[in-house]
C-alpha atoms as a PDB file:
ATOM      1  CA  UNK A   1      -2.259  13.496   7.082  1.00  0.00           C
ATOM      2  CA  UNK A   2       0.093  15.401   9.377  1.00  0.00           C
ATOM      3  CA  UNK A   3      -0.812  13.632  12.928  1.00  0.00           C
ATOM      4  CA  UNK A   4      -1.447   9.735  11.520  1.00  0.00           C
ATOM      5  CA  UNK A   5      -0.319   9.480   7.804  1.00  0.00           C
ATOM      6  CA  UNK A   6      -3.536   7.154   7.830  1.00  0.00           C
ATOM      7  CA  UNK A   7      -7.417   7.968   7.220  1.00  0.00           C
ATOM      8  CA  UNK A   8     -10.708   6.087   6.630  1.00  0.00           C
ATOM      9  CA  UNK A   9     -12.578   6.766   3.515  1.00  0.00           C
ATOM     10  CA  UNK A  10     -16.122   6.070   3.517  1.00  0.00           C
ATOM     11  CA  UNK A  11     -18.885   7.363   1.314  1.00  0.00           C
ATOM     12  CA  UNK A  12     -15.902   7.420  -1.987  1.00  0.00           C
ATOM     13  CA  UNK A  13     -17.890   6.585  -4.725  1.00  0.00           C
ATOM     14  CA  UNK A  14     -17.405   2.943  -5.098  1.00  0.00           C
ATOM     15  CA  UNK A  15     -20.423   0.762  -4.501  1.00  0.00           C
ATOM     16  CA  UNK A  16     -20.959  -1.661  -1.448  1.00  0.00           C
ATOM     17  CA  UNK A  17     -22.586  -4.152  -4.175  1.00  0.00           C
ATOM     18  CA  UNK A  18     -19.012  -3.849  -6.350  1.00  0.00           C
ATOM     19  CA  UNK A  19     -17.194  -4.129  -3.439  1.00  0.00           C
ATOM     20  CA  UNK A  20     -18.871  -7.016  -2.199  1.00  0.00           C
ATOM     21  CA  UNK A  21     -18.171  -8.956  -5.768  1.00  0.00           C
ATOM     22  CA  UNK A  22     -14.546  -7.811  -5.320  1.00  0.00           C
ATOM     23  CA  UNK A  23     -14.207  -9.500  -2.097  1.00  0.00           C
ATOM     24  CA  UNK A  24     -15.836 -12.831  -3.037  1.00  0.00           C
ATOM     25  CA  UNK A  25     -13.480 -13.178  -6.219  1.00  0.00           C
ATOM     26  CA  UNK A  26     -10.435 -12.422  -4.336  1.00  0.00           C
ATOM     27  CA  UNK A  27     -11.638 -15.097  -1.453  1.00  0.00           C
ATOM     28  CA  UNK A  28     -12.665 -17.691  -3.970  1.00  0.00           C
ATOM     29  CA  UNK A  29      -9.621 -17.232  -6.317  1.00  0.00           C
ATOM     30  CA  UNK A  30      -7.380 -17.788  -2.779  1.00  0.00           C
ATOM     31  CA  UNK A  31      -9.223 -20.855  -2.071  1.00  0.00           C
ATOM     32  CA  UNK A  32      -8.865 -22.035  -5.428  1.00  0.00           C
ATOM     33  CA  UNK A  33      -5.734 -21.371  -6.799  1.00  0.00           C
ATOM     34  CA  UNK A  34      -3.497 -20.161  -3.608  1.00  0.00           C
ATOM     35  CA  UNK A  35      -4.344 -21.697  -0.311  1.00  0.00           C
ATOM     36  CA  UNK A  36      -2.870 -25.418  -1.187  1.00  0.00           C
ATOM     37  CA  UNK A  37       0.201 -23.710  -2.965  1.00  0.00           C
ATOM     38  CA  UNK A  38       0.893 -21.832   0.724  1.00  0.00           C
ATOM     39  CA  UNK A  39       0.130 -24.709   2.960  1.00  0.00           C
ATOM     40  CA  UNK A  40       2.744 -26.576   0.575  1.00  0.00           C
ATOM     41  CA  UNK A  41       5.384 -23.767   1.514  1.00  0.00           C
ATOM     42  CA  UNK A  42       4.579 -23.576   4.770  1.00  0.00           C
ATOM     43  CA  UNK A  43       4.950 -27.251   5.327  1.00  0.00           C
ATOM     44  CA  UNK A  44       8.182 -27.557   3.572  1.00  0.00           C
ATOM     45  CA  UNK A  45       9.702 -24.909   5.689  1.00  0.00           C
ATOM     46  CA  UNK A  46       8.590 -26.508   8.881  1.00  0.00           C
ATOM     47  CA  UNK A  47       6.398 -23.024   9.793  1.00  0.00           C
ATOM     48  CA  UNK A  48       4.177 -24.869  11.807  1.00  0.00           C
ATOM     49  CA  UNK A  49       6.484 -25.555  14.483  1.00  0.00           C
ATOM     50  CA  UNK A  50       8.855 -22.623  14.653  1.00  0.00           C
ATOM     51  CA  UNK A  51      10.057 -21.927  18.104  1.00  0.00           C
ATOM     52  CA  UNK A  52      11.841 -18.699  17.676  1.00  0.00           C
ATOM     53  CA  UNK A  53      10.848 -15.577  15.881  1.00  0.00           C
ATOM     54  CA  UNK A  54      11.420 -15.412  12.046  1.00  0.00           C
ATOM     55  CA  UNK A  55      12.730 -11.977  10.396  1.00  0.00           C
ATOM     56  CA  UNK A  56      12.596 -12.800   6.911  1.00  0.00           C
ATOM     57  CA  UNK A  57       9.699 -13.968   5.545  1.00  0.00           C
ATOM     58  CA  UNK A  58       5.846 -12.376   6.150  1.00  0.00           C
ATOM     59  CA  UNK A  59       3.143 -14.706   6.755  1.00  0.00           C
ATOM     60  CA  UNK A  60       0.949 -13.694   3.382  1.00  0.00           C
ATOM     61  CA  UNK A  61       0.129 -15.187   0.452  1.00  0.00           C
ATOM     62  CA  UNK A  62       0.603 -12.496  -1.927  1.00  0.00           C
ATOM     63  CA  UNK A  63       0.135 -11.820  -6.369  1.00  0.00           C
ATOM     64  CA  UNK A  64       0.188  -8.551  -8.382  1.00  0.00           C
ATOM     65  CA  UNK A  65      -1.691  -6.616 -10.859  1.00  0.00           C
ATOM     66  CA  UNK A  66      -0.563  -3.594 -12.998  1.00  0.00           C
ATOM     67  CA  UNK A  67      -2.401  -1.648 -13.696  1.00  0.00           C
ATOM     68  CA  UNK A  68      -0.171   1.661 -15.529  1.00  0.00           C
ATOM     69  CA  UNK A  69       1.494   2.520 -16.968  1.00  0.00           C
ATOM     70  CA  UNK A  70       0.529  -1.092 -18.510  1.00  0.00           C
ATOM     71  CA  UNK A  71      -1.887  -3.311 -17.419  1.00  0.00           C
ATOM     72  CA  UNK A  72      -0.867  -7.178 -17.261  1.00  0.00           C
ATOM     73  CA  UNK A  73      -4.167  -8.350 -15.871  1.00  0.00           C
ATOM     74  CA  UNK A  74      -4.717 -10.252 -18.916  1.00  0.00           C
ATOM     75  CA  UNK A  75      -1.127 -12.126 -18.653  1.00  0.00           C
ATOM     76  CA  UNK A  76      -1.413 -12.957 -15.208  1.00  0.00           C
ATOM     77  CA  UNK A  77      -2.052 -17.029 -15.218  1.00  0.00           C
ATOM     78  CA  UNK A  78      -5.065 -18.604 -12.817  1.00  0.00           C
ATOM     79  CA  UNK A  79      -6.875 -15.826 -12.905  1.00  0.00           C
ATOM     80  CA  UNK A  80     -11.304 -16.389 -14.132  1.00  0.00           C
ATOM     81  CA  UNK A  81     -12.135 -14.100 -17.248  1.00  0.00           C
ATOM     82  CA  UNK A  82     -15.127 -12.484 -14.582  1.00  0.00           C
ATOM     83  CA  UNK A  83     -12.445 -11.804 -11.474  1.00  0.00           C
ATOM     84  CA  UNK A  84     -10.371 -10.044 -14.256  1.00  0.00           C
ATOM     85  CA  UNK A  85     -12.981  -8.038 -15.712  1.00  0.00           C
ATOM     86  CA  UNK A  86     -13.899  -6.932 -12.334  1.00  0.00           C
ATOM     87  CA  UNK A  87     -10.602  -6.273 -10.932  1.00  0.00           C
ATOM     88  CA  UNK A  88      -9.798  -3.853 -14.269  1.00  0.00           C
ATOM     89  CA  UNK A  89     -13.111  -1.917 -13.392  1.00  0.00           C
ATOM     90  CA  UNK A  90     -12.268  -1.380  -9.589  1.00  0.00           C
ATOM     91  CA  UNK A  91      -8.265  -0.499 -11.114  1.00  0.00           C
ATOM     92  CA  UNK A  92     -10.292   2.224 -12.622  1.00  0.00           C
ATOM     93  CA  UNK A  93     -12.834   3.688  -9.859  1.00  0.00           C
ATOM     94  CA  UNK A  94      -9.321   3.325  -7.551  1.00  0.00           C
ATOM     95  CA  UNK A  95      -7.637   5.546  -9.719  1.00  0.00           C
ATOM     96  CA  UNK A  96      -9.996   8.115 -10.028  1.00  0.00           C
ATOM     97  CA  UNK A  97     -10.139   8.162  -6.476  1.00  0.00           C
ATOM     98  CA  UNK A  98      -6.985   8.340  -5.926  1.00  0.00           C
ATOM     99  CA  UNK A  99      -6.543  11.718  -8.341  1.00  0.00           C
ATOM    100  CA  UNK A 100      -9.689  13.127  -6.203  1.00  0.00           C
ATOM    101  CA  UNK A 101      -8.013  12.530  -3.278  1.00  0.00           C
ATOM    102  CA  UNK A 102      -4.521  14.031  -4.779  1.00  0.00           C
ATOM    103  CA  UNK A 103      -6.157  17.124  -5.525  1.00  0.00           C
ATOM    104  CA  UNK A 104      -7.881  17.506  -2.390  1.00  0.00           C
ATOM    105  CA  UNK A 105      -4.506  17.502  -0.534  1.00  0.00           C
ATOM    106  CA  UNK A 106      -3.291  19.979  -2.735  1.00  0.00           C
ATOM    107  CA  UNK A 107      -6.019  22.368  -1.748  1.00  0.00           C
ATOM    108  CA  UNK A 108      -5.607  21.037   1.846  1.00  0.00           C
ATOM    109  CA  UNK A 109      -1.708  21.716   1.519  1.00  0.00           C
ATOM    110  CA  UNK A 110      -2.467  25.514  -0.662  1.00  0.00           C
ATOM    111  CA  UNK A 111      -0.557  24.269  -3.761  1.00  0.00           C
ATOM    112  CA  UNK A 112      -2.175  24.821  -6.899  1.00  0.00           C
ATOM    113  CA  UNK A 113      -4.717  22.274  -8.289  1.00  0.00           C
ATOM    114  CA  UNK A 114      -3.617  19.070 -10.014  1.00  0.00           C
ATOM    115  CA  UNK A 115       0.419  19.801  -8.720  1.00  0.00           C
ATOM    116  CA  UNK A 116       0.327  16.367  -7.018  1.00  0.00           C
ATOM    117  CA  UNK A 117      -0.437  14.595 -10.189  1.00  0.00           C
ATOM    118  CA  UNK A 118       1.842  16.447 -12.617  1.00  0.00           C
ATOM    119  CA  UNK A 119       4.963  15.776  -9.662  1.00  0.00           C
ATOM    120  CA  UNK A 120       3.887  12.254  -9.999  1.00  0.00           C
ATOM    121  CA  UNK A 121       3.325  12.130 -13.674  1.00  0.00           C
ATOM    122  CA  UNK A 122       6.996  11.603 -15.152  1.00  0.00           C
ATOM    123  CA  UNK A 123       6.965  11.186 -18.822  1.00  0.00           C
ATOM    124  CA  UNK A 124       4.531   8.407 -19.326  1.00  0.00           C
ATOM    125  CA  UNK A 125       2.166   9.101 -16.384  1.00  0.00           C
ATOM    126  CA  UNK A 126       1.849   7.704 -13.009  1.00  0.00           C
ATOM    127  CA  UNK A 127       2.638   3.550 -12.034  1.00  0.00           C
ATOM    128  CA  UNK A 128      -0.387   2.368 -10.362  1.00  0.00           C
ATOM    129  CA  UNK A 129      -0.783  -1.572  -9.108  1.00  0.00           C
ATOM    130  CA  UNK A 130      -2.093  -3.539  -6.666  1.00  0.00           C
ATOM    131  CA  UNK A 131      -1.335  -6.149  -4.669  1.00  0.00           C
ATOM    132  CA  UNK A 132      -3.889  -8.829  -3.867  1.00  0.00           C
ATOM    133  CA  UNK A 133      -2.960 -10.474  -0.104  1.00  0.00           C
ATOM    134  CA  UNK A 134      -4.438 -13.331   1.894  1.00  0.00           C
ATOM    135  CA  UNK A 135      -3.210 -13.725   5.449  1.00  0.00           C
ATOM    136  CA  UNK A 136      -3.878 -17.143   6.598  1.00  0.00           C
ATOM    137  CA  UNK A 137      -4.642 -18.471  10.097  1.00  0.00           C
ATOM    138  CA  UNK A 138      -1.149 -18.302  11.835  1.00  0.00           C
ATOM    139  CA  UNK A 139      -0.132 -21.222  14.679  1.00  0.00           C
ATOM    140  CA  UNK A 140       2.176 -18.443  16.024  1.00  0.00           C
ATOM    141  CA  UNK A 141       1.244 -15.238  15.141  1.00  0.00           C
ATOM    142  CA  UNK A 142       3.292 -14.255  17.920  1.00  0.00           C
ATOM    143  CA  UNK A 143       6.687 -15.297  16.116  1.00  0.00           C
ATOM    144  CA  UNK A 144       5.663 -14.682  12.843  1.00  0.00           C
ATOM    145  CA  UNK A 145       4.204 -11.285  11.452  1.00  0.00           C
ATOM    146  CA  UNK A 146       1.985 -11.307   8.325  1.00  0.00           C
ATOM    147  CA  UNK A 147       3.563  -8.081   7.183  1.00  0.00           C
ATOM    148  CA  UNK A 148       6.855  -6.835   9.051  1.00  0.00           C
ATOM    149  CA  UNK A 149       6.706  -3.370   9.857  1.00  0.00           C
ATOM    150  CA  UNK A 150       7.711  -0.515   7.027  1.00  0.00           C
ATOM    151  CA  UNK A 151       6.347   2.423   5.636  1.00  0.00           C
ATOM    152  CA  UNK A 152       5.179   2.544   1.797  1.00  0.00           C
ATOM    153  CA  UNK A 153       7.639   3.866  -0.571  1.00  0.00           C
ATOM    154  CA  UNK A 154       5.565   5.287  -3.062  1.00  0.00           C
ATOM    155  CA  UNK A 155       2.951   8.226  -3.419  1.00  0.00           C
ATOM    156  CA  UNK A 156      -0.912   7.524  -2.161  1.00  0.00           C
ATOM    157  CA  UNK A 157      -2.050   3.999  -1.099  1.00  0.00           C
ATOM    158  CA  UNK A 158      -5.949   3.256  -0.722  1.00  0.00           C
ATOM    159  CA  UNK A 159      -6.361  -0.155   0.754  1.00  0.00           C
ATOM    160  CA  UNK A 160      -9.445  -2.394   0.839  1.00  0.00           C
ATOM    161  CA  UNK A 161      -9.119  -4.740   3.974  1.00  0.00           C
ATOM    162  CA  UNK A 162     -11.623  -7.275   5.443  1.00  0.00           C
ATOM    163  CA  UNK A 163     -14.182  -6.040   7.761  1.00  0.00           C
ATOM    164  CA  UNK A 164     -13.964  -9.815   9.641  1.00  0.00           C
ATOM    165  CA  UNK A 165     -10.425 -10.173  10.343  1.00  0.00           C
ATOM    166  CA  UNK A 166      -8.353  -7.442  11.543  1.00  0.00           C
ATOM    167  CA  UNK A 167      -4.562  -7.011  11.873  1.00  0.00           C
ATOM    168  CA  UNK A 168      -3.072  -3.991  10.302  1.00  0.00           C
ATOM    169  CA  UNK A 169      -1.702  -1.616  12.566  1.00  0.00           C
ATOM    170  CA  UNK A 170       0.439   1.319  12.601  1.00  0.00           C
ATOM    171  CA  UNK A 171       2.906   3.358  14.659  1.00  0.00           C
ATOM    172  CA  UNK A 172       2.141   6.619  16.647  1.00  0.00           C
ATOM    173  CA  UNK A 173       3.996   7.712  19.568  1.00  0.00           C
ATOM    174  CA  UNK A 174       5.762   4.270  19.896  1.00  0.00           C
ATOM    175  CA  UNK A 175       2.961   2.716  20.401  1.00  0.00           C
ATOM    176  CA  UNK A 176       1.331  -0.323  17.685  1.00  0.00           C
ATOM    177  CA  UNK A 177      -2.127   0.826  17.433  1.00  0.00           C
ATOM    178  CA  UNK A 178      -5.284  -1.031  15.722  1.00  0.00           C
ATOM    179  CA  UNK A 179      -6.394   0.491  12.336  1.00  0.00           C
ATOM    180  CA  UNK A 180     -10.027  -1.077  12.739  1.00  0.00           C
ATOM    181  CA  UNK A 181     -11.432  -2.964   9.810  1.00  0.00           C
ATOM    182  CA  UNK A 182     -15.007  -0.435   8.617  1.00  0.00           C
ATOM    183  CA  UNK A 183     -17.133  -2.497   6.447  1.00  0.00           C
ATOM    184  CA  UNK A 184     -16.668  -0.677   2.597  1.00  0.00           C
ATOM    185  CA  UNK A 185     -13.936   1.564   3.769  1.00  0.00           C
ATOM    186  CA  UNK A 186     -10.706   2.245   2.303  1.00  0.00           C
ATOM    187  CA  UNK A 187      -8.162   2.849   4.200  1.00  0.00           C
ATOM    188  CA  UNK A 188      -5.608   5.339   2.958  1.00  0.00           C
ATOM    189  CA  UNK A 189      -2.062   6.033   4.083  1.00  0.00           C
ATOM    190  CA  UNK A 190       1.107   8.324   2.807  1.00  0.00           C
ATOM    191  CA  UNK A 191       3.912   6.910   0.921  1.00  0.00           C
ATOM    192  CA  UNK A 192       7.454   7.896   1.162  1.00  0.00           C
ATOM    193  CA  UNK A 193       7.170  10.446  -1.942  1.00  0.00           C
ATOM    194  CA  UNK A 194       4.756  12.785  -0.577  1.00  0.00           C
ATOM    195  CA  UNK A 195       6.486  13.084   2.336  1.00  0.00           C
ATOM    196  CA  UNK A 196       9.025  14.603  -0.075  1.00  0.00           C
ATOM    197  CA  UNK A 197       7.297  16.890  -1.456  1.00  0.00           C
ATOM    198  CA  UNK A 198       5.383  18.369   1.400  1.00  0.00           C
ATOM    199  CA  UNK A 199       8.728  18.670   2.745  1.00  0.00           C
ATOM    200  CA  UNK A 200       7.786  16.644   5.519  1.00  0.00           C
ATOM    201  CA  UNK A 201       4.158  18.233   6.645  1.00  0.00           C
ATOM    202  CA  UNK A 202       2.618  14.745   6.147  1.00  0.00           C
ATOM    203  CA  UNK A 203       4.505  11.969   6.874  1.00  0.00           C
ATOM    204  CA  UNK A 204       4.509   8.321   5.707  1.00  0.00           C
ATOM    205  CA  UNK A 205       4.134   5.966   8.794  1.00  0.00           C
ATOM    206  CA  UNK A 206       5.318   2.817   9.897  1.00  0.00           C
ATOM    207  CA  UNK A 207       3.033  -0.346  10.247  1.00  0.00           C
ATOM    208  CA  UNK A 208       2.686  -3.616   9.960  1.00  0.00           C
ATOM    209  CA  UNK A 209      -0.042  -6.503   9.713  1.00  0.00           C
ATOM    210  CA  UNK A 210      -0.427  -8.835  12.362  1.00  0.00           C
ATOM    211  CA  UNK A 211      -1.218 -12.579  11.785  1.00  0.00           C
ATOM    212  CA  UNK A 212      -4.496 -14.283  13.447  1.00  0.00           C
ATOM    213  CA  UNK A 213      -4.828 -17.635  14.614  1.00  0.00           C
ATOM    214  CA  UNK A 214      -7.968 -18.047  13.102  1.00  0.00           C
ATOM    215  CA  UNK A 215     -10.069 -16.530   9.759  1.00  0.00           C
ATOM    216  CA  UNK A 216      -8.480 -15.511   6.635  1.00  0.00           C
ATOM    217  CA  UNK A 217      -7.439 -11.557   6.479  1.00  0.00           C
ATOM    218  CA  UNK A 218      -7.848 -10.643   2.362  1.00  0.00           C
ATOM    219  CA  UNK A 219      -6.263  -6.982   1.911  1.00  0.00           C
ATOM    220  CA  UNK A 220      -6.301  -5.467  -1.460  1.00  0.00           C
ATOM    221  CA  UNK A 221      -3.534  -2.532  -1.268  1.00  0.00           C
ATOM    222  CA  UNK A 222      -3.603  -0.261  -4.619  1.00  0.00           C
ATOM    223  CA  UNK A 223      -0.560   2.021  -4.738  1.00  0.00           C
ATOM    224  CA  UNK A 224      -0.709   4.904  -6.673  1.00  0.00           C
ATOM    225  CA  UNK A 225       2.670   5.903  -6.992  1.00  0.00           C
ATOM    226  CA  UNK A 226       5.309   8.293  -9.730  1.00  0.00           C
ATOM    227  CA  UNK A 227       6.031   7.392 -13.109  1.00  0.00           C
ATOM    228  CA  UNK A 228       9.422   5.221 -13.032  1.00  0.00           C
ATOM    229  CA  UNK A 229      11.448   8.332 -14.606  1.00  0.00           C
ATOM    230  CA  UNK A 230       9.534  10.906 -12.102  1.00  0.00           C
ATOM    231  CA  UNK A 231      11.752  13.921 -10.472  1.00  0.00           C
ATOM    232  CA  UNK A 232      10.580  13.931  -6.708  1.00  0.00           C
ATOM    233  CA  UNK A 233      11.326  16.641  -4.575  1.00  0.00           C
ATOM    234  CA  UNK A 234       9.979  19.274  -2.120  1.00  0.00           C
ATOM    235  CA  UNK A 235       7.073  21.457  -3.688  1.00  0.00           C
ATOM    236  CA  UNK A 236       8.922  25.131  -4.111  1.00  0.00           C
ATOM    237  CA  UNK A 237       6.065  27.036  -2.495  1.00  0.00           C
ATOM    238  CA  UNK A 238       5.808  24.750   0.393  1.00  0.00           C
ATOM    239  CA  UNK A 239       9.846  24.953   1.231  1.00  0.00           C
ATOM    240  CA  UNK A 240       9.090  29.526   1.241  1.00  0.00           C
ATOM    241  CA  UNK A 241       6.362  29.027   3.386  1.00  0.00           C
ATOM    242  CA  UNK A 242       8.794  26.884   6.019  1.00  0.00           C
ATOM    243  CA  UNK A 243      11.793  29.659   6.065  1.00  0.00           C
ATOM    244  CA  UNK A 244      13.767  26.085   6.441  1.00  0.00           C
ATOM    245  CA  UNK A 245      15.565  24.755   3.433  1.00  0.00           C
ATOM    246  CA  UNK A 246      14.573  22.019   1.433  1.00  0.00           C
ATOM    247  CA  UNK A 247      14.402  19.223   4.404  1.00  0.00           C
ATOM    248  CA  UNK A 248      14.402  16.349   1.664  1.00  0.00           C
ATOM    249  CA  UNK A 249      16.471  15.165  -0.904  1.00  0.00           C
ATOM    250  CA  UNK A 250      15.781  15.502  -5.221  1.00  0.00           C
ATOM    251  CA  UNK A 251      15.983  11.951  -6.929  1.00  0.00           C
ATOM    252  CA  UNK A 252      14.479  10.019  -9.622  1.00  0.00           C
ATOM    253  CA  UNK A 253      11.304   7.524  -8.096  1.00  0.00           C
ATOM    254  CA  UNK A 254      13.021   4.460  -9.880  1.00  0.00           C
ATOM    255  CA  UNK A 255      16.297   4.921  -8.079  1.00  0.00           C
ATOM    256  CA  UNK A 256      14.804   5.488  -4.690  1.00  0.00           C
ATOM    257  CA  UNK A 257      12.591   2.473  -5.540  1.00  0.00           C
ATOM    258  CA  UNK A 258      16.085   0.204  -6.056  1.00  0.00           C
ATOM    259  CA  UNK A 259      17.440   1.251  -3.007  1.00  0.00           C
ATOM    260  CA  UNK A 260      14.146   0.495  -0.646  1.00  0.00           C
ATOM    261  CA  UNK A 261      13.406  -3.088  -2.133  1.00  0.00           C
ATOM    262  CA  UNK A 262      17.213  -3.963  -0.393  1.00  0.00           C
ATOM    263  CA  UNK A 263      16.628  -2.275   3.175  1.00  0.00           C
ATOM    264  CA  UNK A 264      12.224  -1.881   2.764  1.00  0.00           C
ATOM    265  CA  UNK A 265      12.226  -3.455   6.637  1.00  0.00           C
ATOM    266  CA  UNK A 266      14.453  -0.632   7.926  1.00  0.00           C
ATOM    267  CA  UNK A 267      13.928   3.143   8.788  1.00  0.00           C
ATOM    268  CA  UNK A 268      13.474   5.437   6.249  1.00  0.00           C
ATOM    269  CA  UNK A 269      15.913   8.350   7.235  1.00  0.00           C
ATOM    270  CA  UNK A 270      18.709   6.703   6.093  1.00  0.00           C
ATOM    271  CA  UNK A 271      17.328   6.471   2.785  1.00  0.00           C
ATOM    272  CA  UNK A 272      16.469  10.081   1.988  1.00  0.00           C
ATOM    273  CA  UNK A 273      20.066  10.378   3.324  1.00  0.00           C
ATOM    274  CA  UNK A 274      21.116   7.939   0.688  1.00  0.00           C
ATOM    275  CA  UNK A 275      19.277  10.142  -1.646  1.00  0.00           C
END
């Protein structure tokens, strides 16, 4: 968390069989309902033949599921009943895992158990949702990114990614490093909010997805974030230890998100300054 902002988790308690089911149903759903739409979008924008780098678009086909505070899984169109049921169960298991991890991070930071969960709580509990993405084969991966470089705005991110088609990279000392897909693992990364609460001890890290010329990469990124009205600020216990002042601002999570959506693909430091 301090040096990389990313780690890969095995033996996390979600069974390999269940993960295989999630993957199978996600890929079937993409094939059945989204692949054709993506192809039509690509054709309509003339993206197969681009000659210069495209900076306003990601080569990905996505939809969002919200789990907390209120689930929208039953309202998302085109999902088969079995897929809905499996994704509901997957969300419950990931939520439990996220909360276990937050307590381990508390222990690691020397904060009292439950501190981070409480910091995220706000008045209605945390916000939790999953971005379901597919990265289809791309004819010009040097010109169009699967997903442009960014840090994640929220708290802790749990990623179940394809173990056959790679593409995720993180930035370390100015170099892009591959995050190798490991079967049945969950990749964890730190969002901007944890950087603020830890007063910079943990860092959110720039990452991106490189499009590939073959294979379709599946990615299920679940974001365990503060509630919209949660007030985020450095943990006093960590500020005292440092003998430095608060290096980060105090703000309402929702205000940060409003700013983030407009400048997601830019450096994070000006966002903290603006707050």
